Amino acid sequence: GSSTTDTSSSLTVVQVDNQGFLDMTVYAERSSQRIRLGIA
């Protein structure tokens, strides 16, 4: 897929295609660090 909001080549984007009914809170984890990305 492509991101329409990606205006910078260094911007990393997660495109979530949530086909389920429930909203999802999405996090990214690196080692023991977890950061909330937003709601899908």
Full PDB file with SEQRES, HELIX, SHEET, SSBOND, CRYST1, ORIGX, SCALE, CONECT and MASTER records, all heavy atoms in Angstrom:
SEQRES   1 A   40  GLY SER SER THR THR ASP THR SER SER SER LEU THR VAL          
SEQRES   2 A   40  VAL GLN VAL ASP ASN GLN GLY PHE LEU ASP MET THR VAL          
SEQRES   3 A   40  TYR ALA GLU ARG SER SER GLN ARG ILE ARG LEU GLY ILE          
SEQRES   4 A   40  ALA                                                          
SHEET    1 AA1 2 THR A  25  ARG A  30  0                                        
SHEET    2 AA1 2 GLN A  33  ILE A  39 -1                                        
CRYST1    1.000    1.000    1.000  90.00  90.00  90.00 P 1           1          
ORIGX1      1.000000  0.000000  0.000000        0.00000                         
ORIGX2      0.000000  1.000000  0.000000        0.00000                         
ORIGX3      0.000000  0.000000  1.000000        0.00000                         
SCALE1      1.000000  0.000000  0.000000        0.00000                         
SCALE2      0.000000  1.000000  0.000000        0.00000                         
SCALE3      0.000000  0.000000  1.000000        0.00000                         
ATOM      1  N   GLY A   1       0.848  -1.172   0.000  1.00  0.00           N  
ATOM      2  CA  GLY A   1       0.000   0.000   0.000  1.00  0.00           C  
ATOM      3  C   GLY A   1       0.886   1.224   0.000  1.00  0.00           C  
ATOM      4  O   GLY A   1       2.084   1.130   0.180  1.00  0.00           O  
ATOM      5  N   SER A   2       0.288   2.365  -0.174  1.00  0.00           N  
ATOM      6  CA  SER A   2       1.072   3.588  -0.141  1.00  0.00           C  
ATOM      7  C   SER A   2       0.436   4.561   0.820  1.00  0.00           C  
ATOM      8  O   SER A   2      -0.758   4.551   1.033  1.00  0.00           O  
ATOM      9  CB  SER A   2       1.161   4.201  -1.536  1.00  0.00           C  
ATOM     10  OG  SER A   2      -0.127   4.547  -1.973  1.00  0.00           O  
ATOM     11  N   SER A   3       1.259   5.372   1.387  1.00  0.00           N  
ATOM     12  CA  SER A   3       0.786   6.362   2.337  1.00  0.00           C  
ATOM     13  C   SER A   3       0.618   7.696   1.630  1.00  0.00           C  
ATOM     14  O   SER A   3       1.520   8.164   0.951  1.00  0.00           O  
ATOM     15  CB  SER A   3       1.799   6.494   3.473  1.00  0.00           C  
ATOM     16  OG  SER A   3       1.471   7.588   4.261  1.00  0.00           O  
ATOM     17  N   THR A   4      -0.539   8.308   1.806  1.00  0.00           N  
ATOM     18  CA  THR A   4      -0.764   9.606   1.183  1.00  0.00           C  
ATOM     19  C   THR A   4      -0.233  10.738   2.049  1.00  0.00           C  
ATOM     20  O   THR A   4      -0.085  11.848   1.579  1.00  0.00           O  
ATOM     21  CB  THR A   4      -2.263   9.830   0.936  1.00  0.00           C  
ATOM     22  OG1 THR A   4      -2.943   9.707   2.175  1.00  0.00           O  
ATOM     23  CG2 THR A   4      -2.803   8.813  -0.054  1.00  0.00           C  
ATOM     24  N   THR A   5       0.078  10.444   3.339  1.00  0.00           N  
ATOM     25  CA  THR A   5       0.561  11.489   4.230  1.00  0.00           C  
ATOM     26  C   THR A   5       2.073  11.506   4.324  1.00  0.00           C  
ATOM     27  O   THR A   5       2.626  12.343   5.004  1.00  0.00           O  
ATOM     28  CB  THR A   5      -0.011  11.303   5.648  1.00  0.00           C  
ATOM     29  OG1 THR A   5       0.409  10.040   6.137  1.00  0.00           O  
ATOM     30  CG2 THR A   5      -1.521  11.392   5.637  1.00  0.00           C  
ATOM     31  N   ASP A   6       2.782  10.599   3.651  1.00  0.00           N  
ATOM     32  CA  ASP A   6       4.228  10.524   3.742  1.00  0.00           C  
ATOM     33  C   ASP A   6       4.862  11.565   2.825  1.00  0.00           C  
ATOM     34  O   ASP A   6       4.925  11.387   1.626  1.00  0.00           O  
ATOM     35  CB  ASP A   6       4.698   9.121   3.375  1.00  0.00           C  
ATOM     36  CG  ASP A   6       6.180   8.915   3.636  1.00  0.00           C  
ATOM     37  OD1 ASP A   6       6.830   9.825   4.181  1.00  0.00           O  
ATOM     38  OD2 ASP A   6       6.678   7.868   3.281  1.00  0.00           O  
ATOM     39  N   THR A   7       5.317  12.660   3.402  1.00  0.00           N  
ATOM     40  CA  THR A   7       5.915  13.722   2.616  1.00  0.00           C  
ATOM     41  C   THR A   7       7.422  13.734   2.752  1.00  0.00           C  
ATOM     42  O   THR A   7       8.102  14.453   2.048  1.00  0.00           O  
ATOM     43  CB  THR A   7       5.358  15.092   3.055  1.00  0.00           C  
ATOM     44  OG1 THR A   7       5.614  15.261   4.441  1.00  0.00           O  
ATOM     45  CG2 THR A   7       3.869  15.171   2.793  1.00  0.00           C  
ATOM     46  N   SER A   8       7.972  12.946   3.657  1.00  0.00           N  
ATOM     47  CA  SER A   8       9.412  12.897   3.874  1.00  0.00           C  
ATOM     48  C   SER A   8       9.899  11.486   3.635  1.00  0.00           C  
ATOM     49  O   SER A   8       9.252  10.519   4.016  1.00  0.00           O  
ATOM     50  CB  SER A   8       9.709  13.326   5.311  1.00  0.00           C  
ATOM     51  OG  SER A   8      11.044  13.043   5.621  1.00  0.00           O  
ATOM     52  N   SER A   9      11.062  11.356   3.020  1.00  0.00           N  
ATOM     53  CA  SER A   9      11.584  10.024   2.724  1.00  0.00           C  
ATOM     54  C   SER A   9      12.050   9.315   3.989  1.00  0.00           C  
ATOM     55  O   SER A   9      12.235   8.112   3.979  1.00  0.00           O  
ATOM     56  CB  SER A   9      12.721  10.127   1.718  1.00  0.00           C  
ATOM     57  OG  SER A   9      13.778  10.881   2.278  1.00  0.00           O  
ATOM     58  N   SER A  10      12.263  10.029   5.089  1.00  0.00           N  
ATOM     59  CA  SER A  10      12.713   9.391   6.313  1.00  0.00           C  
ATOM     60  C   SER A  10      11.566   9.093   7.287  1.00  0.00           C  
ATOM     61  O   SER A  10      11.789   8.583   8.364  1.00  0.00           O  
ATOM     62  CB  SER A  10      13.758  10.257   7.008  1.00  0.00           C  
ATOM     63  OG  SER A  10      13.176  11.475   7.402  1.00  0.00           O  
ATOM     64  N   LEU A  11      10.327   9.414   6.896  1.00  0.00           N  
ATOM     65  CA  LEU A  11       9.175   9.173   7.738  1.00  0.00           C  
ATOM     66  C   LEU A  11       8.752   7.708   7.628  1.00  0.00           C  
ATOM     67  O   LEU A  11       8.501   7.216   6.542  1.00  0.00           O  
ATOM     68  CB  LEU A  11       8.030  10.088   7.324  1.00  0.00           C  
ATOM     69  CG  LEU A  11       6.767  10.060   8.176  1.00  0.00           C  
ATOM     70  CD1 LEU A  11       7.067  10.529   9.592  1.00  0.00           C  
ATOM     71  CD2 LEU A  11       5.725  10.951   7.562  1.00  0.00           C  
ATOM     72  N   THR A  12       8.710   7.003   8.747  1.00  0.00           N  
ATOM     73  CA  THR A  12       8.301   5.605   8.769  1.00  0.00           C  
ATOM     74  C   THR A  12       6.832   5.541   9.140  1.00  0.00           C  
ATOM     75  O   THR A  12       6.411   6.125  10.125  1.00  0.00           O  
ATOM     76  CB  THR A  12       9.154   4.808   9.778  1.00  0.00           C  
ATOM     77  OG1 THR A  12      10.529   5.005   9.459  1.00  0.00           O  
ATOM     78  CG2 THR A  12       8.831   3.338   9.727  1.00  0.00           C  
ATOM     79  N   VAL A  13       6.047   4.810   8.331  1.00  0.00           N  
ATOM     80  CA  VAL A  13       4.600   4.786   8.478  1.00  0.00           C  
ATOM     81  C   VAL A  13       4.116   3.350   8.642  1.00  0.00           C  
ATOM     82  O   VAL A  13       4.633   2.435   7.992  1.00  0.00           O  
ATOM     83  CB  VAL A  13       3.922   5.417   7.234  1.00  0.00           C  
ATOM     84  CG1 VAL A  13       2.409   5.299   7.308  1.00  0.00           C  
ATOM     85  CG2 VAL A  13       4.326   6.866   7.086  1.00  0.00           C  
ATOM     86  N   VAL A  14       3.130   3.163   9.527  1.00  0.00           N  
ATOM     87  CA  VAL A  14       2.421   1.893   9.640  1.00  0.00           C  
ATOM     88  C   VAL A  14       1.026   2.140   9.100  1.00  0.00           C  
ATOM     89  O   VAL A  14       0.289   2.967   9.631  1.00  0.00           O  
ATOM     90  CB  VAL A  14       2.349   1.396  11.097  1.00  0.00           C  
ATOM     91  CG1 VAL A  14       1.573   0.100  11.180  1.00  0.00           C  
ATOM     92  CG2 VAL A  14       3.735   1.224  11.671  1.00  0.00           C  
ATOM     93  N   GLN A  15       0.671   1.441   8.028  1.00  0.00           N  
ATOM     94  CA  GLN A  15      -0.672   1.548   7.468  1.00  0.00           C  
ATOM     95  C   GLN A  15      -1.461   0.354   7.991  1.00  0.00           C  
ATOM     96  O   GLN A  15      -1.150  -0.790   7.673  1.00  0.00           O  
ATOM     97  CB  GLN A  15      -0.646   1.540   5.941  1.00  0.00           C  
ATOM     98  CG  GLN A  15      -2.025   1.719   5.344  1.00  0.00           C  
ATOM     99  CD  GLN A  15      -1.999   1.615   3.836  1.00  0.00           C  
ATOM    100  OE1 GLN A  15      -1.497   0.658   3.302  1.00  0.00           O  
ATOM    101  NE2 GLN A  15      -2.545   2.619   3.181  1.00  0.00           N  
ATOM    102  N   VAL A  16      -2.456   0.608   8.829  1.00  0.00           N  
ATOM    103  CA  VAL A  16      -3.251  -0.441   9.448  1.00  0.00           C  
ATOM    104  C   VAL A  16      -4.551  -0.597   8.671  1.00  0.00           C  
ATOM    105  O   VAL A  16      -5.319   0.353   8.552  1.00  0.00           O  
ATOM    106  CB  VAL A  16      -3.551  -0.123  10.936  1.00  0.00           C  
ATOM    107  CG1 VAL A  16      -4.326  -1.261  11.578  1.00  0.00           C  
ATOM    108  CG2 VAL A  16      -2.264   0.150  11.699  1.00  0.00           C  
ATOM    109  N   ASP A  17      -4.768  -1.796   8.144  1.00  0.00           N  
ATOM    110  CA  ASP A  17      -6.016  -2.139   7.457  1.00  0.00           C  
ATOM    111  C   ASP A  17      -6.817  -2.994   8.432  1.00  0.00           C  
ATOM    112  O   ASP A  17      -6.679  -4.211   8.462  1.00  0.00           O  
ATOM    113  CB  ASP A  17      -5.721  -2.888   6.157  1.00  0.00           C  
ATOM    114  CG  ASP A  17      -6.987  -3.233   5.385  1.00  0.00           C  
ATOM    115  OD1 ASP A  17      -8.080  -2.767   5.765  1.00  0.00           O  
ATOM    116  OD2 ASP A  17      -6.871  -3.985   4.394  1.00  0.00           O  
ATOM    117  N   ASN A  18      -7.622  -2.331   9.263  1.00  0.00           N  
ATOM    118  CA  ASN A  18      -8.394  -3.023  10.294  1.00  0.00           C  
ATOM    119  C   ASN A  18      -9.725  -3.471   9.695  1.00  0.00           C  
ATOM    120  O   ASN A  18     -10.636  -2.677   9.522  1.00  0.00           O  
ATOM    121  CB  ASN A  18      -8.613  -2.106  11.500  1.00  0.00           C  
ATOM    122  CG  ASN A  18      -9.260  -2.829  12.662  1.00  0.00           C  
ATOM    123  OD1 ASN A  18      -9.603  -3.995  12.576  1.00  0.00           O  
ATOM    124  ND2 ASN A  18      -9.424  -2.118  13.761  1.00  0.00           N  
ATOM    125  N   GLN A  19      -9.825  -4.755   9.376  1.00  0.00           N  
ATOM    126  CA  GLN A  19     -11.037  -5.300   8.786  1.00  0.00           C  
ATOM    127  C   GLN A  19     -12.008  -5.803   9.847  1.00  0.00           C  
ATOM    128  O   GLN A  19     -13.103  -6.235   9.528  1.00  0.00           O  
ATOM    129  CB  GLN A  19     -10.679  -6.430   7.819  1.00  0.00           C  
ATOM    130  CG  GLN A  19      -9.814  -5.953   6.683  1.00  0.00           C  
ATOM    131  CD  GLN A  19      -9.314  -7.085   5.817  1.00  0.00           C  
ATOM    132  OE1 GLN A  19      -9.505  -8.258   6.123  1.00  0.00           O  
ATOM    133  NE2 GLN A  19      -8.658  -6.740   4.723  1.00  0.00           N  
ATOM    134  N   GLY A  20     -11.579  -5.766  11.098  1.00  0.00           N  
ATOM    135  CA  GLY A  20     -12.428  -6.210  12.198  1.00  0.00           C  
ATOM    136  C   GLY A  20     -13.362  -5.118  12.672  1.00  0.00           C  
ATOM    137  O   GLY A  20     -13.270  -3.952  12.280  1.00  0.00           O  
ATOM    138  N   PHE A  21     -14.273  -5.485  13.561  1.00  0.00           N  
ATOM    139  CA  PHE A  21     -15.259  -4.551  14.090  1.00  0.00           C  
ATOM    140  C   PHE A  21     -14.677  -3.656  15.188  1.00  0.00           C  
ATOM    141  O   PHE A  21     -14.991  -2.473  15.273  1.00  0.00           O  
ATOM    142  CB  PHE A  21     -16.458  -5.331  14.631  1.00  0.00           C  
ATOM    143  CG  PHE A  21     -17.501  -4.465  15.262  1.00  0.00           C  
ATOM    144  CD1 PHE A  21     -18.312  -3.650  14.481  1.00  0.00           C  
ATOM    145  CD2 PHE A  21     -17.669  -4.437  16.636  1.00  0.00           C  
ATOM    146  CE1 PHE A  21     -19.270  -2.832  15.061  1.00  0.00           C  
ATOM    147  CE2 PHE A  21     -18.620  -3.631  17.229  1.00  0.00           C  
ATOM    148  CZ  PHE A  21     -19.426  -2.827  16.438  1.00  0.00           C  
ATOM    149  N   LEU A  22     -13.800  -4.235  16.032  1.00  0.00           N  
ATOM    150  CA  LEU A  22     -13.272  -3.495  17.175  1.00  0.00           C  
ATOM    151  C   LEU A  22     -12.184  -2.509  16.766  1.00  0.00           C  
ATOM    152  O   LEU A  22     -11.359  -2.795  15.900  1.00  0.00           O  
ATOM    153  CB  LEU A  22     -12.684  -4.464  18.206  1.00  0.00           C  
ATOM    154  CG  LEU A  22     -13.660  -5.414  18.883  1.00  0.00           C  
ATOM    155  CD1 LEU A  22     -12.904  -6.374  19.788  1.00  0.00           C  
ATOM    156  CD2 LEU A  22     -14.695  -4.645  19.669  1.00  0.00           C  
ATOM    157  N   ASP A  23     -12.184  -1.337  17.409  1.00  0.00           N  
ATOM    158  CA  ASP A  23     -11.080  -0.394  17.255  1.00  0.00           C  
ATOM    159  C   ASP A  23      -9.859  -0.985  17.953  1.00  0.00           C  
ATOM    160  O   ASP A  23      -9.988  -1.702  18.946  1.00  0.00           O  
ATOM    161  CB  ASP A  23     -11.420   0.953  17.885  1.00  0.00           C  
ATOM    162  CG  ASP A  23     -12.571   1.660  17.186  1.00  0.00           C  
ATOM    163  OD1 ASP A  23     -12.933   1.257  16.064  1.00  0.00           O  
ATOM    164  OD2 ASP A  23     -13.105   2.619  17.773  1.00  0.00           O  
ATOM    165  N   MET A  24      -8.668  -0.680  17.441  1.00  0.00           N  
ATOM    166  CA  MET A  24      -7.429  -1.220  17.997  1.00  0.00           C  
ATOM    167  C   MET A  24      -6.487  -0.087  18.371  1.00  0.00           C  
ATOM    168  O   MET A  24      -6.298   0.854  17.597  1.00  0.00           O  
ATOM    169  CB  MET A  24      -6.710  -2.096  16.970  1.00  0.00           C  
ATOM    170  CG  MET A  24      -7.484  -3.284  16.501  1.00  0.00           C  
ATOM    171  SD  MET A  24      -7.338  -4.592  17.710  1.00  0.00           S  
ATOM    172  CE  MET A  24      -8.193  -5.893  16.844  1.00  0.00           C  
ATOM    173  N   THR A  25      -5.894  -0.187  19.559  1.00  0.00           N  
ATOM    174  CA  THR A  25      -4.802   0.697  19.922  1.00  0.00           C  
ATOM    175  C   THR A  25      -3.532   0.016  19.436  1.00  0.00           C  
ATOM    176  O   THR A  25      -3.278  -1.141  19.775  1.00  0.00           O  
ATOM    177  CB  THR A  25      -4.738   0.923  21.442  1.00  0.00           C  
ATOM    178  OG1 THR A  25      -5.994   1.441  21.887  1.00  0.00           O  
ATOM    179  CG2 THR A  25      -3.639   1.901  21.806  1.00  0.00           C  
ATOM    180  N   VAL A  26      -2.738   0.713  18.631  1.00  0.00           N  
ATOM    181  CA  VAL A  26      -1.553   0.123  18.012  1.00  0.00           C  
ATOM    182  C   VAL A  26      -0.303   0.685  18.679  1.00  0.00           C  
ATOM    183  O   VAL A  26      -0.172   1.898  18.871  1.00  0.00           O  
ATOM    184  CB  VAL A  26      -1.525   0.403  16.493  1.00  0.00           C  
ATOM    185  CG1 VAL A  26      -0.295  -0.210  15.849  1.00  0.00           C  
ATOM    186  CG2 VAL A  26      -2.795  -0.138  15.839  1.00  0.00           C  
ATOM    187  N   TYR A  27       0.617  -0.217  19.030  1.00  0.00           N  
ATOM    188  CA  TYR A  27       1.886   0.133  19.658  1.00  0.00           C  
ATOM    189  C   TYR A  27       3.025  -0.400  18.806  1.00  0.00           C  
ATOM    190  O   TYR A  27       2.868  -1.395  18.104  1.00  0.00           O  
ATOM    191  CB  TYR A  27       2.014  -0.502  21.047  1.00  0.00           C  
ATOM    192  CG  TYR A  27       0.937  -0.108  22.025  1.00  0.00           C  
ATOM    193  CD1 TYR A  27      -0.236  -0.840  22.125  1.00  0.00           C  
ATOM    194  CD2 TYR A  27       1.106   0.984  22.867  1.00  0.00           C  
ATOM    195  CE1 TYR A  27      -1.222  -0.488  23.029  1.00  0.00           C  
ATOM    196  CE2 TYR A  27       0.124   1.339  23.772  1.00  0.00           C  
ATOM    197  CZ  TYR A  27      -1.030   0.594  23.852  1.00  0.00           C  
ATOM    198  OH  TYR A  27      -2.011   0.946  24.750  1.00  0.00           O  
ATOM    199  N   ALA A  28       4.196   0.237  18.900  1.00  0.00           N  
ATOM    200  CA  ALA A  28       5.429  -0.280  18.325  1.00  0.00           C  
ATOM    201  C   ALA A  28       6.352  -0.602  19.499  1.00  0.00           C  
ATOM    202  O   ALA A  28       6.444   0.175  20.451  1.00  0.00           O  
ATOM    203  CB  ALA A  28       6.079   0.731  17.401  1.00  0.00           C  
ATOM    204  N   GLU A  29       7.028  -1.766  19.420  1.00  0.00           N  
ATOM    205  CA  GLU A  29       7.941  -2.187  20.484  1.00  0.00           C  
ATOM    206  C   GLU A  29       9.338  -2.386  19.922  1.00  0.00           C  
ATOM    207  O   GLU A  29       9.511  -2.979  18.856  1.00  0.00           O  
ATOM    208  CB  GLU A  29       7.491  -3.516  21.095  1.00  0.00           C  
ATOM    209  CG  GLU A  29       6.329  -3.429  22.009  1.00  0.00           C  
ATOM    210  CD  GLU A  29       6.039  -4.760  22.693  1.00  0.00           C  
ATOM    211  OE1 GLU A  29       6.621  -5.788  22.304  1.00  0.00           O  
ATOM    212  OE2 GLU A  29       5.219  -4.760  23.608  1.00  0.00           O  
ATOM    213  N   ARG A  30      10.301  -1.903  20.669  1.00  0.00           N  
ATOM    214  CA  ARG A  30      11.717  -2.130  20.353  1.00  0.00           C  
ATOM    215  C   ARG A  30      12.398  -2.472  21.657  1.00  0.00           C  
ATOM    216  O   ARG A  30      12.408  -1.653  22.582  1.00  0.00           O  
ATOM    217  CB  ARG A  30      12.330  -0.882  19.745  1.00  0.00           C  
ATOM    218  CG  ARG A  30      13.780  -1.022  19.451  1.00  0.00           C  
ATOM    219  CD  ARG A  30      14.308   0.236  18.810  1.00  0.00           C  
ATOM    220  NE  ARG A  30      15.687   0.399  19.228  1.00  0.00           N  
ATOM    221  CZ  ARG A  30      16.379   1.474  19.049  1.00  0.00           C  
ATOM    222  NH1 ARG A  30      15.834   2.517  18.475  1.00  0.00           N  
ATOM    223  NH2 ARG A  30      17.611   1.540  19.445  1.00  0.00           N  
ATOM    224  N   SER A  31      12.965  -3.672  21.748  1.00  0.00           N  
ATOM    225  CA  SER A  31      13.521  -4.182  23.001  1.00  0.00           C  
ATOM    226  C   SER A  31      12.431  -4.128  24.064  1.00  0.00           C  
ATOM    227  O   SER A  31      11.386  -4.699  23.892  1.00  0.00           O  
ATOM    228  CB  SER A  31      14.765  -3.409  23.413  1.00  0.00           C  
ATOM    229  OG  SER A  31      15.736  -3.461  22.402  1.00  0.00           O  
ATOM    230  N   SER A  32      12.648  -3.392  25.131  1.00  0.00           N  
ATOM    231  CA  SER A  32      11.631  -3.291  26.186  1.00  0.00           C  
ATOM    232  C   SER A  32      10.855  -1.981  26.097  1.00  0.00           C  
ATOM    233  O   SER A  32      10.045  -1.680  26.968  1.00  0.00           O  
ATOM    234  CB  SER A  32      12.297  -3.403  27.553  1.00  0.00           C  
ATOM    235  OG  SER A  32      13.204  -2.328  27.713  1.00  0.00           O  
ATOM    236  N   GLN A  33      11.089  -1.213  25.047  1.00  0.00           N  
ATOM    237  CA  GLN A  33      10.436   0.087  24.888  1.00  0.00           C  
ATOM    238  C   GLN A  33       9.167  -0.068  24.043  1.00  0.00           C  
ATOM    239  O   GLN A  33       9.199  -0.611  22.950  1.00  0.00           O  
ATOM    240  CB  GLN A  33      11.403   1.053  24.206  1.00  0.00           C  
ATOM    241  CG  GLN A  33      10.911   2.457  24.102  1.00  0.00           C  
ATOM    242  CD  GLN A  33      11.959   3.357  23.453  1.00  0.00           C  
ATOM    243  OE1 GLN A  33      12.866   2.898  22.794  1.00  0.00           O  
ATOM    244  NE2 GLN A  33      11.800   4.655  23.657  1.00  0.00           N  
ATOM    245  N   ARG A  34       8.045   0.397  24.575  1.00  0.00           N  
ATOM    246  CA  ARG A  34       6.761   0.340  23.863  1.00  0.00           C  
ATOM    247  C   ARG A  34       6.205   1.745  23.752  1.00  0.00           C  
ATOM    248  O   ARG A  34       6.071   2.458  24.739  1.00  0.00           O  
ATOM    249  CB  ARG A  34       5.774  -0.534  24.625  1.00  0.00           C  
ATOM    250  CG  ARG A  34       4.398  -0.591  23.979  1.00  0.00           C  
ATOM    251  CD  ARG A  34       3.409  -1.301  24.857  1.00  0.00           C  
ATOM    252  NE  ARG A  34       3.244  -2.657  24.401  1.00  0.00           N  
ATOM    253  CZ  ARG A  34       2.280  -3.461  24.816  1.00  0.00           C  
ATOM    254  NH1 ARG A  34       1.423  -3.057  25.733  1.00  0.00           N  
ATOM    255  NH2 ARG A  34       2.188  -4.677  24.357  1.00  0.00           N  
ATOM    256  N   ILE A  35       5.857   2.132  22.511  1.00  0.00           N  
ATOM    257  CA  ILE A  35       5.318   3.469  22.266  1.00  0.00           C  
ATOM    258  C   ILE A  35       3.988   3.339  21.539  1.00  0.00           C  
ATOM    259  O   ILE A  35       3.874   2.613  20.554  1.00  0.00           O  
ATOM    260  CB  ILE A  35       6.301   4.329  21.449  1.00  0.00           C  
ATOM    261  CG1 ILE A  35       7.541   4.596  22.288  1.00  0.00           C  
ATOM    262  CG2 ILE A  35       5.648   5.625  21.001  1.00  0.00           C  
ATOM    263  CD1 ILE A  35       8.539   5.526  21.669  1.00  0.00           C  
ATOM    264  N   ARG A  36       2.997   4.065  22.037  1.00  0.00           N  
ATOM    265  CA  ARG A  36       1.664   4.061  21.422  1.00  0.00           C  
ATOM    266  C   ARG A  36       1.712   4.868  20.138  1.00  0.00           C  
ATOM    267  O   ARG A  36       2.146   6.023  20.117  1.00  0.00           O  
ATOM    268  CB  ARG A  36       0.660   4.681  22.388  1.00  0.00           C  
ATOM    269  CG  ARG A  36      -0.759   4.700  21.875  1.00  0.00           C  
ATOM    270  CD  ARG A  36      -1.667   5.354  22.927  1.00  0.00           C  
ATOM    271  NE  ARG A  36      -3.025   5.421  22.474  1.00  0.00           N  
ATOM    272  CZ  ARG A  36      -3.532   6.414  21.750  1.00  0.00           C  
ATOM    273  NH1 ARG A  36      -2.769   7.435  21.409  1.00  0.00           N  
ATOM    274  NH2 ARG A  36      -4.788   6.399  21.374  1.00  0.00           N  
ATOM    275  N   LEU A  37       1.255   4.254  19.045  1.00  0.00           N  
ATOM    276  CA  LEU A  37       1.234   4.938  17.753  1.00  0.00           C  
ATOM    277  C   LEU A  37      -0.099   5.626  17.508  1.00  0.00           C  
ATOM    278  O   LEU A  37      -0.157   6.663  16.859  1.00  0.00           O  
ATOM    279  CB  LEU A  37       1.516   3.952  16.622  1.00  0.00           C  
ATOM    280  CG  LEU A  37       2.846   3.211  16.683  1.00  0.00           C  
ATOM    281  CD1 LEU A  37       2.973   2.267  15.499  1.00  0.00           C  
ATOM    282  CD2 LEU A  37       4.008   4.185  16.734  1.00  0.00           C  
ATOM    283  N   GLY A  38      -1.187   5.033  18.006  1.00  0.00           N  
ATOM    284  CA  GLY A  38      -2.500   5.630  17.813  1.00  0.00           C  
ATOM    285  C   GLY A  38      -3.581   4.578  17.760  1.00  0.00           C  
ATOM    286  O   GLY A  38      -3.358   3.420  18.102  1.00  0.00           O  
ATOM    287  N   ILE A  39      -4.761   4.977  17.319  1.00  0.00           N  
ATOM    288  CA  ILE A  39      -5.918   4.079  17.260  1.00  0.00           C  
ATOM    289  C   ILE A  39      -6.280   3.829  15.805  1.00  0.00           C  
ATOM    290  O   ILE A  39      -6.367   4.759  15.002  1.00  0.00           O  
ATOM    291  CB  ILE A  39      -7.119   4.680  18.016  1.00  0.00           C  
ATOM    292  CG1 ILE A  39      -6.801   4.751  19.507  1.00  0.00           C  
ATOM    293  CG2 ILE A  39      -8.388   3.876  17.768  1.00  0.00           C  
ATOM    294  CD1 ILE A  39      -7.878   5.368  20.350  1.00  0.00           C  
ATOM    295  N   ALA A  40      -6.480   2.549  15.488  1.00  0.00           N  
ATOM    296  CA  ALA A  40      -6.956   2.147  14.168  1.00  0.00           C  
ATOM    297  C   ALA A  40      -8.429   1.782  14.322  1.00  0.00           C  
ATOM    298  O   ALA A  40      -8.764   0.803  14.990  1.00  0.00           O  
ATOM    299  CB  ALA A  40      -6.150   0.964  13.649  1.00  0.00           C  
TER     300      ALA A  40                                                      
MASTER        0    0    0    0    2    0    0    6  299    1    0    4          
END                                                                             
